[in-house]
PDB file of N, CA and C in Angstrom:
ATOM      1  N   UNK A   1     131.911  93.814 106.067  1.00  0.00           N
ATOM      2  CA  UNK A   1     131.788  93.180 107.356  1.00  0.00           C
ATOM      3  C   UNK A   1     131.045  94.122 108.306  1.00  0.00           C
ATOM      4  N   UNK A   2     129.993  93.643 108.954  1.00  0.00           N
ATOM      5  CA  UNK A   2     129.215  94.499 109.834  1.00  0.00           C
ATOM      6  C   UNK A   2     129.971  94.862 111.111  1.00  0.00           C
ATOM      7  N   UNK A   3     129.522  95.938 111.742  1.00  0.00           N
ATOM      8  CA  UNK A   3     130.150  96.414 112.969  1.00  0.00           C
ATOM      9  C   UNK A   3     129.837  95.490 114.142  1.00  0.00           C
ATOM     10  N   UNK A   4     128.595  95.006 114.238  1.00  0.00           N
ATOM     11  CA  UNK A   4     128.174  94.093 115.302  1.00  0.00           C
ATOM     12  C   UNK A   4     127.937  92.716 114.697  1.00  0.00           C
ATOM     13  N   UNK A   5     128.107  91.637 115.461  1.00  0.00           N
ATOM     14  CA  UNK A   5     127.848  90.306 114.915  1.00  0.00           C
ATOM     15  C   UNK A   5     126.361  90.108 114.635  1.00  0.00           C
ATOM     16  N   UNK A   6     126.055  89.593 113.469  1.00  0.00           N
ATOM     17  CA  UNK A   6     124.679  89.347 113.045  1.00  0.00           C
ATOM     18  C   UNK A   6     124.454  87.837 113.037  1.00  0.00           C
ATOM     19  N   UNK A   7     123.971  87.290 114.149  1.00  0.00           N
ATOM     20  CA  UNK A   7     123.856  85.844 114.332  1.00  0.00           C
ATOM     21  C   UNK A   7     122.469  85.289 114.013  1.00  0.00           C
ATOM     22  N   UNK A   8     121.433  86.115 114.018  1.00  0.00           N
ATOM     23  CA  UNK A   8     120.087  85.635 113.736  1.00  0.00           C
ATOM     24  C   UNK A   8     119.739  85.886 112.275  1.00  0.00           C
ATOM     25  N   UNK A   9     118.620  85.314 111.837  1.00  0.00           N
ATOM     26  CA  UNK A   9     118.151  85.545 110.476  1.00  0.00           C
ATOM     27  C   UNK A   9     116.707  86.033 110.508  1.00  0.00           C
ATOM     28  N   UNK A  10     116.388  86.897 109.567  1.00  0.00           N
ATOM     29  CA  UNK A  10     115.029  87.386 109.375  1.00  0.00           C
ATOM     30  C   UNK A  10     114.725  87.304 107.884  1.00  0.00           C
ATOM     31  N   UNK A  11     113.475  87.044 107.559  1.00  0.00           N
ATOM     32  CA  UNK A  11     113.089  86.985 106.149  1.00  0.00           C
ATOM     33  C   UNK A  11     112.157  88.146 105.845  1.00  0.00           C
ATOM     34  N   UNK A  12     112.354  88.731 104.674  1.00  0.00           N
ATOM     35  CA  UNK A  12     111.575  89.880 104.229  1.00  0.00           C
ATOM     36  C   UNK A  12     110.819  89.489 102.964  1.00  0.00           C
ATOM     37  N   UNK A  13     109.505  89.713 102.989  1.00  0.00           N
ATOM     38  CA  UNK A  13     108.669  89.473 101.808  1.00  0.00           C
ATOM     39  C   UNK A  13     108.236  90.822 101.262  1.00  0.00           C
ATOM     40  N   UNK A  14     108.690  91.133 100.041  1.00  0.00           N
ATOM     41  CA  UNK A  14     108.388  92.417  99.408  1.00  0.00           C
ATOM     42  C   UNK A  14     106.929  92.466  98.979  1.00  0.00           C
ATOM     43  N   UNK A  15     106.307  93.628  99.172  1.00  0.00           N
ATOM     44  CA  UNK A  15     104.928  93.864  98.785  1.00  0.00           C
ATOM     45  C   UNK A  15     104.859  94.090  97.287  1.00  0.00           C
ATOM     46  N   UNK A  16     103.927  93.399  96.623  1.00  0.00           N
ATOM     47  CA  UNK A  16     103.717  93.558  95.181  1.00  0.00           C
ATOM     48  C   UNK A  16     102.515  94.480  95.004  1.00  0.00           C
ATOM     49  N   UNK A  17     102.769  95.694  94.534  1.00  0.00           N
ATOM     50  CA  UNK A  17     101.731  96.723  94.499  1.00  0.00           C
ATOM     51  C   UNK A  17     100.857  96.666  93.257  1.00  0.00           C
ATOM     52  N   UNK A  18     101.261  95.958  92.219  1.00  0.00           N
ATOM     53  CA  UNK A  18     100.512  95.998  90.966  1.00  0.00           C
ATOM     54  C   UNK A  18      99.412  94.951  90.885  1.00  0.00           C
ATOM     55  N   UNK A  19      99.012  94.361  92.003  1.00  0.00           N
ATOM     56  CA  UNK A  19      97.951  93.356  91.995  1.00  0.00           C
ATOM     57  C   UNK A  19      96.645  94.012  92.440  1.00  0.00           C
ATOM     58  N   UNK A  20      95.775  94.286  91.493  1.00  0.00           N
ATOM     59  CA  UNK A  20      94.471  94.839  91.818  1.00  0.00           C
ATOM     60  C   UNK A  20      93.420  93.941  91.187  1.00  0.00           C
ATOM     61  N   UNK A  21      93.092  92.853  91.891  1.00  0.00           N
ATOM     62  CA  UNK A  21      92.126  91.907  91.348  1.00  0.00           C
ATOM     63  C   UNK A  21      90.702  92.202  91.800  1.00  0.00           C
ATOM     64  N   UNK A  22      90.491  93.277  92.554  1.00  0.00           N
ATOM     65  CA  UNK A  22      89.163  93.638  92.999  1.00  0.00           C
ATOM     66  C   UNK A  22      88.748  93.003  94.310  1.00  0.00           C
ATOM     67  N   UNK A  23      89.570  92.103  94.849  1.00  0.00           N
ATOM     68  CA  UNK A  23      89.235  91.412  96.093  1.00  0.00           C
ATOM     69  C   UNK A  23      90.001  91.962  97.285  1.00  0.00           C
ATOM     70  N   UNK A  24      90.752  93.002  97.085  1.00  0.00           N
ATOM     71  CA  UNK A  24      91.513  93.673  98.145  1.00  0.00           C
ATOM     72  C   UNK A  24      92.439  92.708  98.885  1.00  0.00           C
ATOM     73  N   UNK A  25      93.101  91.843  98.136  1.00  0.00           N
ATOM     74  CA  UNK A  25      94.082  90.939  98.728  1.00  0.00           C
ATOM     75  C   UNK A  25      95.481  91.463  98.425  1.00  0.00           C
ATOM     76  N   UNK A  26      96.374  91.274  99.362  1.00  0.00           N
ATOM     77  CA  UNK A  26      97.754  91.716  99.191  1.00  0.00           C
ATOM     78  C   UNK A  26      98.603  90.553  98.710  1.00  0.00           C
ATOM     79  N   UNK A  27      99.468  90.827  97.756  1.00  0.00           N
ATOM     80  CA  UNK A  27     100.406  89.819  97.276  1.00  0.00           C
ATOM     81  C   UNK A  27     101.806  90.191  97.725  1.00  0.00           C
ATOM     82  N   UNK A  28     102.555  89.175  98.121  1.00  0.00           N
ATOM     83  CA  UNK A  28     103.929  89.371  98.555  1.00  0.00           C
ATOM     84  C   UNK A  28     104.830  88.416  97.783  1.00  0.00           C
ATOM     85  N   UNK A  29     106.052  88.863  97.532  1.00  0.00           N
ATOM     86  CA  UNK A  29     107.034  88.047  96.810  1.00  0.00           C
ATOM     87  C   UNK A  29     107.581  86.960  97.731  1.00  0.00           C
ATOM     88  N   UNK A  30     108.413  86.122  97.177  1.00  0.00           N
ATOM     89  CA  UNK A  30     109.057  85.073  97.961  1.00  0.00           C
ATOM     90  C   UNK A  30     109.976  85.702  98.998  1.00  0.00           C
ATOM     91  N   UNK A  31     110.114  85.068 100.171  1.00  0.00           N
ATOM     92  CA  UNK A  31     110.945  85.667 101.222  1.00  0.00           C
ATOM     93  C   UNK A  31     112.434  85.660 100.876  1.00  0.00           C
ATOM     94  N   UNK A  32     113.103  86.722 101.307  1.00  0.00           N
ATOM     95  CA  UNK A  32     114.553  86.858 101.149  1.00  0.00           C
ATOM     96  C   UNK A  32     115.149  86.867 102.544  1.00  0.00           C
ATOM     97  N   UNK A  33     116.146  86.020 102.788  1.00  0.00           N
ATOM     98  CA  UNK A  33     116.774  85.888 104.104  1.00  0.00           C
ATOM     99  C   UNK A  33     117.884  86.928 104.274  1.00  0.00           C
ATOM    100  N   UNK A  34     117.936  87.512 105.473  1.00  0.00           N
ATOM    101  CA  UNK A  34     118.981  88.471 105.844  1.00  0.00           C
ATOM    102  C   UNK A  34     119.581  88.053 107.184  1.00  0.00           C
ATOM    103  N   UNK A  35     120.866  88.316 107.355  1.00  0.00           N
ATOM    104  CA  UNK A  35     121.502  88.138 108.662  1.00  0.00           C
ATOM    105  C   UNK A  35     121.245  89.403 109.470  1.00  0.00           C
ATOM    106  N   UNK A  36     120.742  89.235 110.686  1.00  0.00           N
ATOM    107  CA  UNK A  36     120.362  90.375 111.517  1.00  0.00           C
ATOM    108  C   UNK A  36     120.834  90.170 112.948  1.00  0.00           C
ATOM    109  N   UNK A  37     120.768  91.227 113.726  1.00  0.00           N
ATOM    110  CA  UNK A  37     120.882  91.163 115.180  1.00  0.00           C
ATOM    111  C   UNK A  37     119.506  91.541 115.696  1.00  0.00           C
ATOM    112  N   UNK A  38     118.815  90.616 116.343  1.00  0.00           N
ATOM    113  CA  UNK A  38     117.452  90.836 116.837  1.00  0.00           C
ATOM    114  C   UNK A  38     117.483  91.098 118.332  1.00  0.00           C
ATOM    115  N   UNK A  39     116.721  92.105 118.755  1.00  0.00           N
ATOM    116  CA  UNK A  39     116.575  92.440 120.163  1.00  0.00           C
ATOM    117  C   UNK A  39     115.090  92.534 120.469  1.00  0.00           C
ATOM    118  N   UNK A  40     114.635  91.666 121.376  1.00  0.00           N
ATOM    119  CA  UNK A  40     113.225  91.662 121.742  1.00  0.00           C
ATOM    120  C   UNK A  40     113.047  92.454 123.031  1.00  0.00           C
ATOM    121  N   UNK A  41     112.589  93.671 122.902  1.00  0.00           N
ATOM    122  CA  UNK A  41     112.281  94.525 124.049  1.00  0.00           C
ATOM    123  C   UNK A  41     111.326  95.617 123.582  1.00  0.00           C
ATOM    124  N   UNK A  42     110.579  96.155 124.522  1.00  0.00           N
ATOM    125  CA  UNK A  42     109.629  97.206 124.196  1.00  0.00           C
ATOM    126  C   UNK A  42     110.335  98.550 124.161  1.00  0.00           C
ATOM    127  N   UNK A  43     110.060  99.313 123.107  1.00  0.00           N
ATOM    128  CA  UNK A  43     110.722 100.585 122.899  1.00  0.00           C
ATOM    129  C   UNK A  43     109.747 101.527 122.201  1.00  0.00           C
ATOM    130  N   UNK A  44     109.710 102.770 122.617  1.00  0.00           N
ATOM    131  CA  UNK A  44     108.845 103.770 121.985  1.00  0.00           C
ATOM    132  C   UNK A  44     109.621 104.416 120.844  1.00  0.00           C
ATOM    133  N   UNK A  45     109.064 104.318 119.625  1.00  0.00           N
ATOM    134  CA  UNK A  45     109.703 104.875 118.436  1.00  0.00           C
ATOM    135  C   UNK A  45     108.699 105.761 117.708  1.00  0.00           C
ATOM    136  N   UNK A  46     109.192 106.568 116.794  1.00  0.00           N
ATOM    137  CA  UNK A  46     108.340 107.417 115.969  1.00  0.00           C
ATOM    138  C   UNK A  46     108.155 106.747 114.619  1.00  0.00           C
ATOM    139  N   UNK A  47     106.901 106.559 114.200  1.00  0.00           N
ATOM    140  CA  UNK A  47     106.640 105.901 112.919  1.00  0.00           C
ATOM    141  C   UNK A  47     106.744 106.905 111.779  1.00  0.00           C
ATOM    142  N   UNK A  48     106.408 106.478 110.571  1.00  0.00           N
ATOM    143  CA  UNK A  48     106.561 107.324 109.390  1.00  0.00           C
ATOM    144  C   UNK A  48     105.585 108.497 109.368  1.00  0.00           C
ATOM    145  N   UNK A  49     104.535 108.457 110.191  1.00  0.00           N
ATOM    146  CA  UNK A  49     103.569 109.550 110.264  1.00  0.00           C
ATOM    147  C   UNK A  49     103.881 110.525 111.386  1.00  0.00           C
ATOM    148  N   UNK A  50     104.941 110.289 112.147  1.00  0.00           N
ATOM    149  CA  UNK A  50     105.334 111.155 113.233  1.00  0.00           C
ATOM    150  C   UNK A  50     104.675 110.834 114.559  1.00  0.00           C
ATOM    151  N   UNK A  51     103.967 109.718 114.638  1.00  0.00           N
ATOM    152  CA  UNK A  51     103.293 109.312 115.869  1.00  0.00           C
ATOM    153  C   UNK A  51     104.224 108.433 116.694  1.00  0.00           C
ATOM    154  N   UNK A  52     104.089 108.492 118.017  1.00  0.00           N
ATOM    155  CA  UNK A  52     104.871 107.623 118.893  1.00  0.00           C
ATOM    156  C   UNK A  52     104.159 106.288 119.029  1.00  0.00           C
ATOM    157  N   UNK A  53     104.881 105.207 118.743  1.00  0.00           N
ATOM    158  CA  UNK A  53     104.330 103.857 118.751  1.00  0.00           C
ATOM    159  C   UNK A  53     105.283 102.966 119.545  1.00  0.00           C
ATOM    160  N   UNK A  54     104.738 101.967 120.218  1.00  0.00           N
ATOM    161  CA  UNK A  54     105.565 101.023 120.957  1.00  0.00           C
ATOM    162  C   UNK A  54     105.925  99.847 120.061  1.00  0.00           C
ATOM    163  N   UNK A  55     107.211  99.602 119.907  1.00  0.00           N
ATOM    164  CA  UNK A  55     107.710  98.468 119.124  1.00  0.00           C
ATOM    165  C   UNK A  55     108.220  97.402 120.078  1.00  0.00           C
ATOM    166  N   UNK A  56     108.062  96.138 119.691  1.00  0.00           N
ATOM    167  CA  UNK A  56     108.501  95.051 120.561  1.00  0.00           C
ATOM    168  C   UNK A  56     109.718  94.309 120.024  1.00  0.00           C
ATOM    169  N   UNK A  57     110.176  94.651 118.833  1.00  0.00           N
ATOM    170  CA  UNK A  57     111.289  93.936 118.222  1.00  0.00           C
ATOM    171  C   UNK A  57     112.128  94.915 117.408  1.00  0.00           C
ATOM    172  N   UNK A  58     113.449  94.839 117.588  1.00  0.00           N
ATOM    173  CA  UNK A  58     114.372  95.697 116.846  1.00  0.00           C
ATOM    174  C   UNK A  58     115.366  94.826 116.102  1.00  0.00           C
ATOM    175  N   UNK A  59     115.530  95.091 114.809  1.00  0.00           N
ATOM    176  CA  UNK A  59     116.506  94.392 113.979  1.00  0.00           C
ATOM    177  C   UNK A  59     117.613  95.351 113.589  1.00  0.00           C
ATOM    178  N   UNK A  60     118.838  94.870 113.572  1.00  0.00           N
ATOM    179  CA  UNK A  60     119.961  95.596 112.996  1.00  0.00           C
ATOM    180  C   UNK A  60     120.387  94.858 111.738  1.00  0.00           C
ATOM    181  N   UNK A  61     120.252  95.505 110.598  1.00  0.00           N
ATOM    182  CA  UNK A  61     120.664  94.957 109.310  1.00  0.00           C
ATOM    183  C   UNK A  61     121.996  95.568 108.917  1.00  0.00           C
ATOM    184  N   UNK A  62     122.788  94.834 108.148  1.00  0.00           N
ATOM    185  CA  UNK A  62     124.042  95.354 107.629  1.00  0.00           C
ATOM    186  C   UNK A  62     123.750  96.282 106.455  1.00  0.00           C
ATOM    187  N   UNK A  63     124.354  97.428 106.454  1.00  0.00           N
ATOM    188  CA  UNK A  63     124.241  98.454 105.419  1.00  0.00           C
ATOM    189  C   UNK A  63     122.797  98.893 105.245  1.00  0.00           C
ATOM    190  N   UNK A  64     122.300  99.002 104.019  1.00  0.00           N
ATOM    191  CA  UNK A  64     120.966  99.521 103.748  1.00  0.00           C
ATOM    192  C   UNK A  64     120.187  98.493 102.928  1.00  0.00           C
ATOM    193  N   UNK A  65     119.420  97.611 103.581  1.00  0.00           N
ATOM    194  CA  UNK A  65     118.678  96.585 102.842  1.00  0.00           C
ATOM    195  C   UNK A  65     117.471  97.189 102.137  1.00  0.00           C
ATOM    196  N   UNK A  66     116.942  96.456 101.179  1.00  0.00           N
ATOM    197  CA  UNK A  66     115.776  96.888 100.403  1.00  0.00           C
ATOM    198  C   UNK A  66     114.512  96.525 101.180  1.00  0.00           C
ATOM    199  N   UNK A  67     114.137  97.372 102.150  1.00  0.00           N
ATOM    200  CA  UNK A  67     112.960  97.138 102.985  1.00  0.00           C
ATOM    201  C   UNK A  67     112.090  98.377 102.942  1.00  0.00           C
ATOM    202  N   UNK A  68     110.784  98.168 102.787  1.00  0.00           N
ATOM    203  CA  UNK A  68     109.816  99.249 102.736  1.00  0.00           C
ATOM    204  C   UNK A  68     108.800  99.060 103.851  1.00  0.00           C
ATOM    205  N   UNK A  69     107.992 100.085 104.106  1.00  0.00           N
ATOM    206  CA  UNK A  69     106.998 100.004 105.170  1.00  0.00           C
ATOM    207  C   UNK A  69     105.841  99.059 104.842  1.00  0.00           C
ATOM    208  N   UNK A  70     105.632  98.699 103.586  1.00  0.00           N
ATOM    209  CA  UNK A  70     104.560  97.774 103.210  1.00  0.00           C
ATOM    210  C   UNK A  70     104.997  96.319 103.202  1.00  0.00           C
ATOM    211  N   UNK A  71     106.289  96.050 103.358  1.00  0.00           N
ATOM    212  CA  UNK A  71     106.800  94.685 103.338  1.00  0.00           C
ATOM    213  C   UNK A  71     106.484  93.988 104.655  1.00  0.00           C
ATOM    214  N   UNK A  72     106.575  92.657 104.648  1.00  0.00           N
ATOM    215  CA  UNK A  72     106.397  91.876 105.871  1.00  0.00           C
ATOM    216  C   UNK A  72     107.741  91.275 106.269  1.00  0.00           C
ATOM    217  N   UNK A  73     108.090  91.474 107.537  1.00  0.00           N
ATOM    218  CA  UNK A  73     109.338  90.944 108.081  1.00  0.00           C
ATOM    219  C   UNK A  73     108.982  89.836 109.058  1.00  0.00           C
ATOM    220  N   UNK A  74     109.632  88.690 108.909  1.00  0.00           N
ATOM    221  CA  UNK A  74     109.341  87.529 109.746  1.00  0.00           C
ATOM    222  C   UNK A  74     110.607  87.109 110.477  1.00  0.00           C
ATOM    223  N   UNK A  75     110.432  86.723 111.748  1.00  0.00           N
ATOM    224  CA  UNK A  75     111.560  86.320 112.584  1.00  0.00           C
ATOM    225  C   UNK A  75     111.103  85.210 113.515  1.00  0.00           C
ATOM    226  N   UNK A  76     111.925  84.182 113.666  1.00  0.00           N
ATOM    227  CA  UNK A  76     111.665  83.100 114.608  1.00  0.00           C
ATOM    228  C   UNK A  76     112.778  83.102 115.643  1.00  0.00           C
ATOM    229  N   UNK A  77     112.387  83.245 116.924  1.00  0.00           N
ATOM    230  CA  UNK A  77     113.406  83.303 117.972  1.00  0.00           C
ATOM    231  C   UNK A  77     113.846  81.902 118.392  1.00  0.00           C
ATOM    232  N   UNK A  78     114.686  81.833 119.410  1.00  0.00           N
ATOM    233  CA  UNK A  78     115.264  80.560 119.842  1.00  0.00           C
ATOM    234  C   UNK A  78     114.231  79.616 120.450  1.00  0.00           C
ATOM    235  N   UNK A  79     113.109  80.146 120.923  1.00  0.00           N
ATOM    236  CA  UNK A  79     112.053  79.316 121.506  1.00  0.00           C
ATOM    237  C   UNK A  79     111.056  78.809 120.463  1.00  0.00           C
ATOM    238  N   UNK A  80     111.230  79.203 119.216  1.00  0.00           N
ATOM    239  CA  UNK A  80     110.342  78.761 118.152  1.00  0.00           C
ATOM    240  C   UNK A  80     109.141  79.661 117.933  1.00  0.00           C
ATOM    241  N   UNK A  81     109.107  80.824 118.572  1.00  0.00           N
ATOM    242  CA  UNK A  81     108.011  81.770 118.404  1.00  0.00           C
ATOM    243  C   UNK A  81     108.284  82.615 117.164  1.00  0.00           C
ATOM    244  N   UNK A  82     107.339  82.617 116.217  1.00  0.00           N
ATOM    245  CA  UNK A  82     107.488  83.370 114.982  1.00  0.00           C
ATOM    246  C   UNK A  82     106.708  84.670 115.069  1.00  0.00           C
ATOM    247  N   UNK A  83     107.370  85.753 114.713  1.00  0.00           N
ATOM    248  CA  UNK A  83     106.757  87.075 114.687  1.00  0.00           C
ATOM    249  C   UNK A  83     106.823  87.573 113.250  1.00  0.00           C
ATOM    250  N   UNK A  84     105.666  87.953 112.688  1.00  0.00           N
ATOM    251  CA  UNK A  84     105.629  88.494 111.330  1.00  0.00           C
ATOM    252  C   UNK A  84     104.773  89.749 111.331  1.00  0.00           C
ATOM    253  N   UNK A  85     105.404  90.874 111.015  1.00  0.00           N
ATOM    254  CA  UNK A  85     104.712  92.159 111.011  1.00  0.00           C
ATOM    255  C   UNK A  85     105.302  93.072 109.949  1.00  0.00           C
ATOM    256  N   UNK A  86     104.614  94.192 109.740  1.00  0.00           N
ATOM    257  CA  UNK A  86     105.140  95.244 108.884  1.00  0.00           C
ATOM    258  C   UNK A  86     106.010  96.170 109.740  1.00  0.00           C
ATOM    259  N   UNK A  87     107.048  96.761 109.165  1.00  0.00           N
ATOM    260  CA  UNK A  87     107.918  97.655 109.932  1.00  0.00           C
ATOM    261  C   UNK A  87     107.185  98.903 110.414  1.00  0.00           C
ATOM    262  N   UNK A  88     107.510  99.320 111.631  1.00  0.00           N
ATOM    263  CA  UNK A  88     106.979 100.559 112.192  1.00  0.00           C
ATOM    264  C   UNK A  88     107.905 101.718 111.840  1.00  0.00           C
ATOM    265  N   UNK A  89     109.205 101.474 111.956  1.00  0.00           N
ATOM    266  CA  UNK A  89     110.193 102.515 111.710  1.00  0.00           C
ATOM    267  C   UNK A  89     111.440 101.901 111.094  1.00  0.00           C
ATOM    268  N   UNK A  90     112.017 102.589 110.115  1.00  0.00           N
ATOM    269  CA  UNK A  90     113.257 102.158 109.449  1.00  0.00           C
ATOM    270  C   UNK A  90     114.234 103.324 109.558  1.00  0.00           C
ATOM    271  N   UNK A  91     115.364 103.101 110.272  1.00  0.00           N
ATOM    272  CA  UNK A  91     116.324 104.173 110.527  1.00  0.00           C
ATOM    273  C   UNK A  91     117.735 103.740 110.148  1.00  0.00           C
ATOM    274  N   UNK A  92     118.292 104.260 109.059  1.00  0.00           N
ATOM    275  CA  UNK A  92     119.691 103.956 108.745  1.00  0.00           C
ATOM    276  C   UNK A  92     120.641 104.781 109.609  1.00  0.00           C
ATOM    277  N   UNK A  93     121.758 104.159 110.002  1.00  0.00           N
ATOM    278  CA  UNK A  93     122.821 104.838 110.733  1.00  0.00           C
ATOM    279  C   UNK A  93     123.968 105.052 109.764  1.00  0.00           C
ATOM    280  N   UNK A  94     124.381 106.304 109.606  1.00  0.00           N
ATOM    281  CA  UNK A  94     125.403 106.638 108.616  1.00  0.00           C
ATOM    282  C   UNK A  94     126.718 107.025 109.293  1.00  0.00           C
ATOM    283  N   UNK A  95     127.808 106.696 108.618  1.00  0.00           N
ATOM    284  CA  UNK A  95     129.131 107.083 109.087  1.00  0.00           C
ATOM    285  C   UNK A  95     129.412 108.519 108.650  1.00  0.00           C
ATOM    286  N   UNK A  96     130.575 109.020 108.971  1.00  0.00           N
ATOM    287  CA  UNK A  96     130.909 110.406 108.658  1.00  0.00           C
ATOM    288  C   UNK A  96     131.023 110.648 107.151  1.00  0.00           C
ATOM    289  N   UNK A  97     131.293 109.593 106.369  1.00  0.00           N
ATOM    290  CA  UNK A  97     131.378 109.742 104.922  1.00  0.00           C
ATOM    291  C   UNK A  97     130.015 109.661 104.242  1.00  0.00           C
ATOM    292  N   UNK A  98     128.949 109.430 104.994  1.00  0.00           N
ATOM    293  CA  UNK A  98     127.600 109.424 104.445  1.00  0.00           C
ATOM    294  C   UNK A  98     127.064 108.059 104.073  1.00  0.00           C
ATOM    295  N   UNK A  99     127.876 107.014 104.139  1.00  0.00           N
ATOM    296  CA  UNK A  99     127.419 105.681 103.779  1.00  0.00           C
ATOM    297  C   UNK A  99     126.712 105.018 104.963  1.00  0.00           C
ATOM    298  N   UNK A 100     125.639 104.301 104.651  1.00  0.00           N
ATOM    299  CA  UNK A 100     124.889 103.594 105.696  1.00  0.00           C
ATOM    300  C   UNK A 100     125.680 102.370 106.141  1.00  0.00           C
ATOM    301  N   UNK A 101     125.883 102.228 107.456  1.00  0.00           N
ATOM    302  CA  UNK A 101     126.615 101.071 107.975  1.00  0.00           C
ATOM    303  C   UNK A 101     125.666 100.070 108.614  1.00  0.00           C
ATOM    304  N   UNK A 102     124.652 100.543 109.302  1.00  0.00           N
ATOM    305  CA  UNK A 102     123.637  99.687 109.921  1.00  0.00           C
ATOM    306  C   UNK A 102     122.275 100.315 109.684  1.00  0.00           C
ATOM    307  N   UNK A 103     121.248  99.477 109.616  1.00  0.00           N
ATOM    308  CA  UNK A 103     119.885  99.948 109.508  1.00  0.00           C
ATOM    309  C   UNK A 103     119.073  99.312 110.617  1.00  0.00           C
ATOM    310  N   UNK A 104     118.409 100.137 111.425  1.00  0.00           N
ATOM    311  CA  UNK A 104     117.530  99.646 112.483  1.00  0.00           C
ATOM    312  C   UNK A 104     116.105  99.580 111.948  1.00  0.00           C
ATOM    313  N   UNK A 105     115.489  98.416 112.090  1.00  0.00           N
ATOM    314  CA  UNK A 105     114.096  98.226 111.676  1.00  0.00           C
ATOM    315  C   UNK A 105     113.323  97.783 112.913  1.00  0.00           C
ATOM    316  N   UNK A 106     112.271  98.523 113.241  1.00  0.00           N
ATOM    317  CA  UNK A 106     111.463  98.243 114.416  1.00  0.00           C
ATOM    318  C   UNK A 106     110.145  97.627 113.994  1.00  0.00           C
ATOM    319  N   UNK A 107     109.753  96.546 114.688  1.00  0.00           N
ATOM    320  CA  UNK A 107     108.445  95.893 114.460  1.00  0.00           C
ATOM    321  C   UNK A 107     107.618  96.027 115.716  1.00  0.00           C
TER     322      UNK A 107
END
């Protein structure tokens, strides 16, 4: 059971890296739905290269989901606006025993 209520849903499409057809097209797997807590606000975060980047969407996932920086995360808010982007930053929050309880994903 998650610490915070996860009322929204986000879908994650995993990047398929073994597709090299010579046309430089990216292939993604079928979307997998996750229960999340979505917060739409601008926030400055550090990406995987150590650069400061502005993110406009923050997701809280339960535990440690299978999400990578090459995957596409899609979210539709209550107004019907769909946002689909690659993650900027993925930060797990761990308890004192070392287990991940929440994972923050910034888009």
